[in-house]
Amino acid sequence: MTLQEIIAQVENLSMEDRDYLFELIRQQRIDNHQPVIANCLEDEKTNSEGFWDLTLRFRKRMEQENIIFTDEDFLDLRDRSVGREVKF
């Protein structure tokens, strides 16, 4: 059966049967993804870093790559315009 044939058959279902079919498909997708979700959550727990840890890692990487920021890097960075024109 092709996807188009399945869609045509679904269109012939009652709203109650469509809702049941939708819920069945949704539950199957959840069941199929449970191991993936669990692995992601476990990785997040073991690899979770706070703001300070990420800041230290960023600084270490800058030192490794010999990146140095100076005041000249930030010259003329700010937009000094007054903003959009307002007509009263």
N, C-alpha and C. Protein backbone atom coordinates (compact mmCIF):
# COMPACT_ATOMS: atom_id res chain seq x y z
N MET A 1 0.86 -1.17 0.00
CA MET A 1 0.00 0.00 0.00
C MET A 1 0.91 1.24 0.00
N THR A 2 0.60 2.21 -0.84
CA THR A 2 1.41 3.43 -0.92
C THR A 2 0.94 4.44 0.12
N LEU A 3 1.76 5.43 0.32
CA LEU A 3 1.41 6.48 1.28
C LEU A 3 0.13 7.20 0.86
N GLN A 4 -0.01 7.44 -0.41
CA GLN A 4 -1.22 8.11 -0.90
C GLN A 4 -2.47 7.29 -0.62
N GLU A 5 -2.36 5.98 -0.76
CA GLU A 5 -3.50 5.11 -0.47
C GLU A 5 -3.82 5.13 1.02
N ILE A 6 -2.80 5.15 1.84
CA ILE A 6 -3.01 5.22 3.29
C ILE A 6 -3.70 6.52 3.66
N ILE A 7 -3.23 7.63 3.08
CA ILE A 7 -3.84 8.93 3.35
C ILE A 7 -5.30 8.93 2.94
N ALA A 8 -5.59 8.35 1.79
CA ALA A 8 -6.98 8.29 1.32
C ALA A 8 -7.84 7.47 2.29
N GLN A 9 -7.29 6.38 2.82
CA GLN A 9 -8.02 5.56 3.77
C GLN A 9 -8.25 6.31 5.08
N VAL A 10 -7.24 7.08 5.52
CA VAL A 10 -7.36 7.84 6.76
C VAL A 10 -8.46 8.88 6.62
N GLU A 11 -8.55 9.50 5.46
CA GLU A 11 -9.59 10.51 5.22
C GLU A 11 -10.98 9.92 5.35
N ASN A 12 -11.12 8.63 5.13
CA ASN A 12 -12.43 7.98 5.23
C ASN A 12 -12.79 7.58 6.66
N LEU A 13 -11.83 7.70 7.58
CA LEU A 13 -12.08 7.32 8.98
C LEU A 13 -12.89 8.40 9.70
N SER A 14 -13.57 7.96 10.74
CA SER A 14 -14.29 8.92 11.59
C SER A 14 -13.25 9.70 12.40
N MET A 15 -13.67 10.82 12.97
CA MET A 15 -12.75 11.63 13.78
C MET A 15 -12.24 10.84 14.98
N GLU A 16 -13.11 10.02 15.55
CA GLU A 16 -12.72 9.21 16.70
C GLU A 16 -11.64 8.21 16.31
N ASP A 17 -11.82 7.57 15.15
CA ASP A 17 -10.82 6.60 14.68
C ASP A 17 -9.51 7.31 14.30
N ARG A 18 -9.60 8.50 13.73
CA ARG A 18 -8.39 9.27 13.40
C ARG A 18 -7.62 9.62 14.68
N ASP A 19 -8.35 10.05 15.70
CA ASP A 19 -7.71 10.38 16.97
C ASP A 19 -7.02 9.16 17.56
N TYR A 20 -7.70 8.03 17.48
CA TYR A 20 -7.11 6.79 18.01
C TYR A 20 -5.85 6.43 17.23
N LEU A 21 -5.92 6.52 15.90
CA LEU A 21 -4.77 6.22 15.05
C LEU A 21 -3.61 7.16 15.35
N PHE A 22 -3.92 8.43 15.49
CA PHE A 22 -2.89 9.42 15.80
C PHE A 22 -2.22 9.09 17.13
N GLU A 23 -3.02 8.76 18.14
CA GLU A 23 -2.48 8.44 19.46
C GLU A 23 -1.63 7.16 19.40
N LEU A 24 -2.07 6.18 18.63
CA LEU A 24 -1.32 4.94 18.47
C LEU A 24 0.05 5.21 17.83
N ILE A 25 0.06 6.00 16.77
CA ILE A 25 1.32 6.35 16.09
C ILE A 25 2.22 7.14 17.02
N ARG A 26 1.65 8.09 17.74
CA ARG A 26 2.43 8.90 18.68
C ARG A 26 3.07 8.02 19.74
N GLN A 27 2.30 7.08 20.29
CA GLN A 27 2.82 6.20 21.33
C GLN A 27 3.93 5.31 20.79
N GLN A 28 3.78 4.81 19.58
CA GLN A 28 4.83 3.98 18.98
C GLN A 28 6.11 4.78 18.77
N ARG A 29 5.96 6.04 18.36
CA ARG A 29 7.15 6.89 18.18
C ARG A 29 7.85 7.13 19.50
N ILE A 30 7.06 7.33 20.56
CA ILE A 30 7.64 7.53 21.89
C ILE A 30 8.37 6.26 22.33
N ASP A 31 7.71 5.11 22.15
CA ASP A 31 8.32 3.85 22.56
C ASP A 31 9.61 3.58 21.80
N ASN A 32 9.64 3.92 20.52
CA ASN A 32 10.84 3.69 19.71
C ASN A 32 11.96 4.64 20.08
N HIS A 33 11.63 5.81 20.62
CA HIS A 33 12.65 6.79 20.95
C HIS A 33 13.06 6.77 22.41
N GLN A 34 12.44 5.94 23.23
CA GLN A 34 12.77 5.90 24.65
C GLN A 34 14.26 5.65 24.88
N PRO A 35 14.89 4.66 24.22
CA PRO A 35 16.32 4.44 24.46
C PRO A 35 17.17 5.65 24.05
N VAL A 36 16.81 6.28 22.96
CA VAL A 36 17.55 7.45 22.49
C VAL A 36 17.42 8.59 23.49
N ILE A 37 16.21 8.83 23.95
CA ILE A 37 15.97 9.89 24.93
C ILE A 37 16.72 9.60 26.22
N ALA A 38 16.69 8.36 26.67
CA ALA A 38 17.39 7.99 27.90
C ALA A 38 18.89 8.22 27.76
N ASN A 39 19.45 7.86 26.61
CA ASN A 39 20.88 8.08 26.38
C ASN A 39 21.22 9.56 26.38
N CYS A 40 20.38 10.36 25.76
CA CYS A 40 20.62 11.80 25.72
C CYS A 40 20.58 12.39 27.12
N LEU A 41 19.61 11.97 27.91
CA LEU A 41 19.50 12.48 29.28
C LEU A 41 20.70 12.05 30.11
N GLU A 42 21.16 10.82 29.91
CA GLU A 42 22.32 10.33 30.66
C GLU A 42 23.57 11.11 30.26
N ASP A 43 23.74 11.35 28.95
CA ASP A 43 24.88 12.14 28.48
C ASP A 43 24.84 13.55 29.06
N GLU A 44 23.64 14.11 29.12
CA GLU A 44 23.48 15.46 29.65
C GLU A 44 23.87 15.52 31.12
N LYS A 45 23.51 14.48 31.87
CA LYS A 45 23.87 14.45 33.28
C LYS A 45 25.38 14.37 33.47
N THR A 46 26.03 13.51 32.68
CA THR A 46 27.47 13.32 32.87
C THR A 46 28.29 14.44 32.24
N ASN A 47 27.77 15.07 31.20
CA ASN A 47 28.51 16.12 30.51
C ASN A 47 28.04 17.52 30.85
N SER A 48 27.15 17.64 31.83
CA SER A 48 26.61 18.96 32.11
C SER A 48 27.69 19.83 32.72
N GLU A 49 27.82 21.02 32.16
CA GLU A 49 28.77 21.99 32.65
C GLU A 49 28.01 23.27 32.94
N GLY A 50 28.40 23.90 34.01
CA GLY A 50 27.78 25.15 34.35
C GLY A 50 28.45 26.30 33.61
N PHE A 51 27.95 27.49 33.86
CA PHE A 51 28.47 28.68 33.20
C PHE A 51 29.96 28.86 33.49
N TRP A 52 30.33 28.68 34.75
CA TRP A 52 31.73 28.91 35.11
C TRP A 52 32.66 27.89 34.43
N ASP A 53 32.22 26.62 34.37
CA ASP A 53 33.03 25.61 33.71
C ASP A 53 33.24 25.94 32.24
N LEU A 54 32.17 26.39 31.59
CA LEU A 54 32.29 26.77 30.18
C LEU A 54 33.17 27.99 30.00
N THR A 55 33.11 28.93 30.93
CA THR A 55 33.96 30.12 30.86
C THR A 55 35.43 29.73 30.98
N LEU A 56 35.73 28.85 31.92
CA LEU A 56 37.11 28.40 32.08
C LEU A 56 37.60 27.64 30.85
N ARG A 57 36.72 26.83 30.28
CA ARG A 57 37.10 26.08 29.08
C ARG A 57 37.35 27.04 27.91
N PHE A 58 36.53 28.08 27.81
CA PHE A 58 36.71 29.09 26.76
C PHE A 58 38.04 29.80 26.93
N ARG A 59 38.37 30.20 28.16
CA ARG A 59 39.64 30.89 28.42
C ARG A 59 40.83 29.99 28.12
N LYS A 60 40.73 28.73 28.49
CA LYS A 60 41.81 27.78 28.22
C LYS A 60 42.03 27.62 26.71
N ARG A 61 40.93 27.55 25.99
CA ARG A 61 41.02 27.41 24.52
C ARG A 61 41.66 28.66 23.90
N MET A 62 41.31 29.83 24.43
CA MET A 62 41.92 31.07 23.94
C MET A 62 43.42 31.06 24.18
N GLU A 63 43.85 30.58 25.34
CA GLU A 63 45.28 30.51 25.64
C GLU A 63 45.97 29.52 24.72
N GLN A 64 45.33 28.37 24.48
CA GLN A 64 45.92 27.36 23.61
C GLN A 64 46.12 27.87 22.19
N GLU A 65 45.17 28.65 21.71
CA GLU A 65 45.25 29.16 20.34
C GLU A 65 45.89 30.54 20.27
N ASN A 66 46.38 30.99 21.42
CA ASN A 66 47.08 32.27 21.50
C ASN A 66 46.22 33.43 20.98
N ILE A 67 44.98 33.46 21.41
CA ILE A 67 44.06 34.53 21.03
C ILE A 67 44.09 35.59 22.12
N ILE A 68 44.30 36.82 21.73
CA ILE A 68 44.35 37.92 22.69
C ILE A 68 43.41 39.02 22.22
N PHE A 69 42.50 39.42 23.10
CA PHE A 69 41.61 40.53 22.81
C PHE A 69 42.22 41.79 23.41
N THR A 70 42.19 42.87 22.64
CA THR A 70 42.66 44.16 23.14
C THR A 70 41.53 45.17 23.00
N ASP A 71 41.74 46.35 23.56
CA ASP A 71 40.73 47.41 23.46
C ASP A 71 40.47 47.79 22.01
N GLU A 72 41.47 47.66 21.16
CA GLU A 72 41.32 47.99 19.74
C GLU A 72 40.29 47.09 19.06
N ASP A 73 40.14 45.88 19.56
CA ASP A 73 39.15 44.96 18.99
C ASP A 73 37.72 45.45 19.20
N PHE A 74 37.54 46.29 20.21
CA PHE A 74 36.21 46.74 20.57
C PHE A 74 35.93 48.19 20.20
N LEU A 75 36.88 48.84 19.53
CA LEU A 75 36.67 50.22 19.09
C LEU A 75 35.54 50.28 18.07
N ASP A 76 34.74 51.31 18.17
CA ASP A 76 33.64 51.53 17.23
C ASP A 76 32.69 50.34 17.12
N LEU A 77 32.60 49.58 18.17
CA LEU A 77 31.70 48.43 18.18
C LEU A 77 30.27 48.86 18.48
N ARG A 78 30.13 49.90 19.27
CA ARG A 78 28.81 50.37 19.68
C ARG A 78 28.15 51.19 18.59
N ASP A 79 26.89 50.96 18.40
CA ASP A 79 26.09 51.75 17.46
C ASP A 79 25.71 53.04 18.17
N ARG A 80 26.20 54.16 17.69
CA ARG A 80 25.98 55.43 18.37
C ARG A 80 24.84 56.23 17.72
N SER A 81 24.09 55.59 16.84
CA SER A 81 22.98 56.29 16.22
C SER A 81 21.87 56.49 17.25
N VAL A 82 21.01 57.46 17.00
CA VAL A 82 19.93 57.78 17.93
C VAL A 82 18.77 56.80 17.80
N GLY A 83 18.83 55.94 16.83
CA GLY A 83 17.76 54.98 16.63
C GLY A 83 16.87 55.39 15.47
N ARG A 84 15.75 54.77 15.38
CA ARG A 84 14.86 55.10 14.26
C ARG A 84 14.19 56.45 14.49
N GLU A 85 13.84 57.05 13.40
CA GLU A 85 13.22 58.37 13.45
C GLU A 85 11.76 58.22 13.84
N VAL A 86 11.31 59.04 14.77
CA VAL A 86 9.93 59.01 15.23
C VAL A 86 9.23 60.27 14.79
N LYS A 87 8.10 60.11 14.13
CA LYS A 87 7.34 61.26 13.69
C LYS A 87 6.12 61.39 14.59
N PHE A 88 5.94 62.60 15.14
CA PHE A 88 4.79 62.86 16.00
C PHE A 88 3.66 63.49 15.25
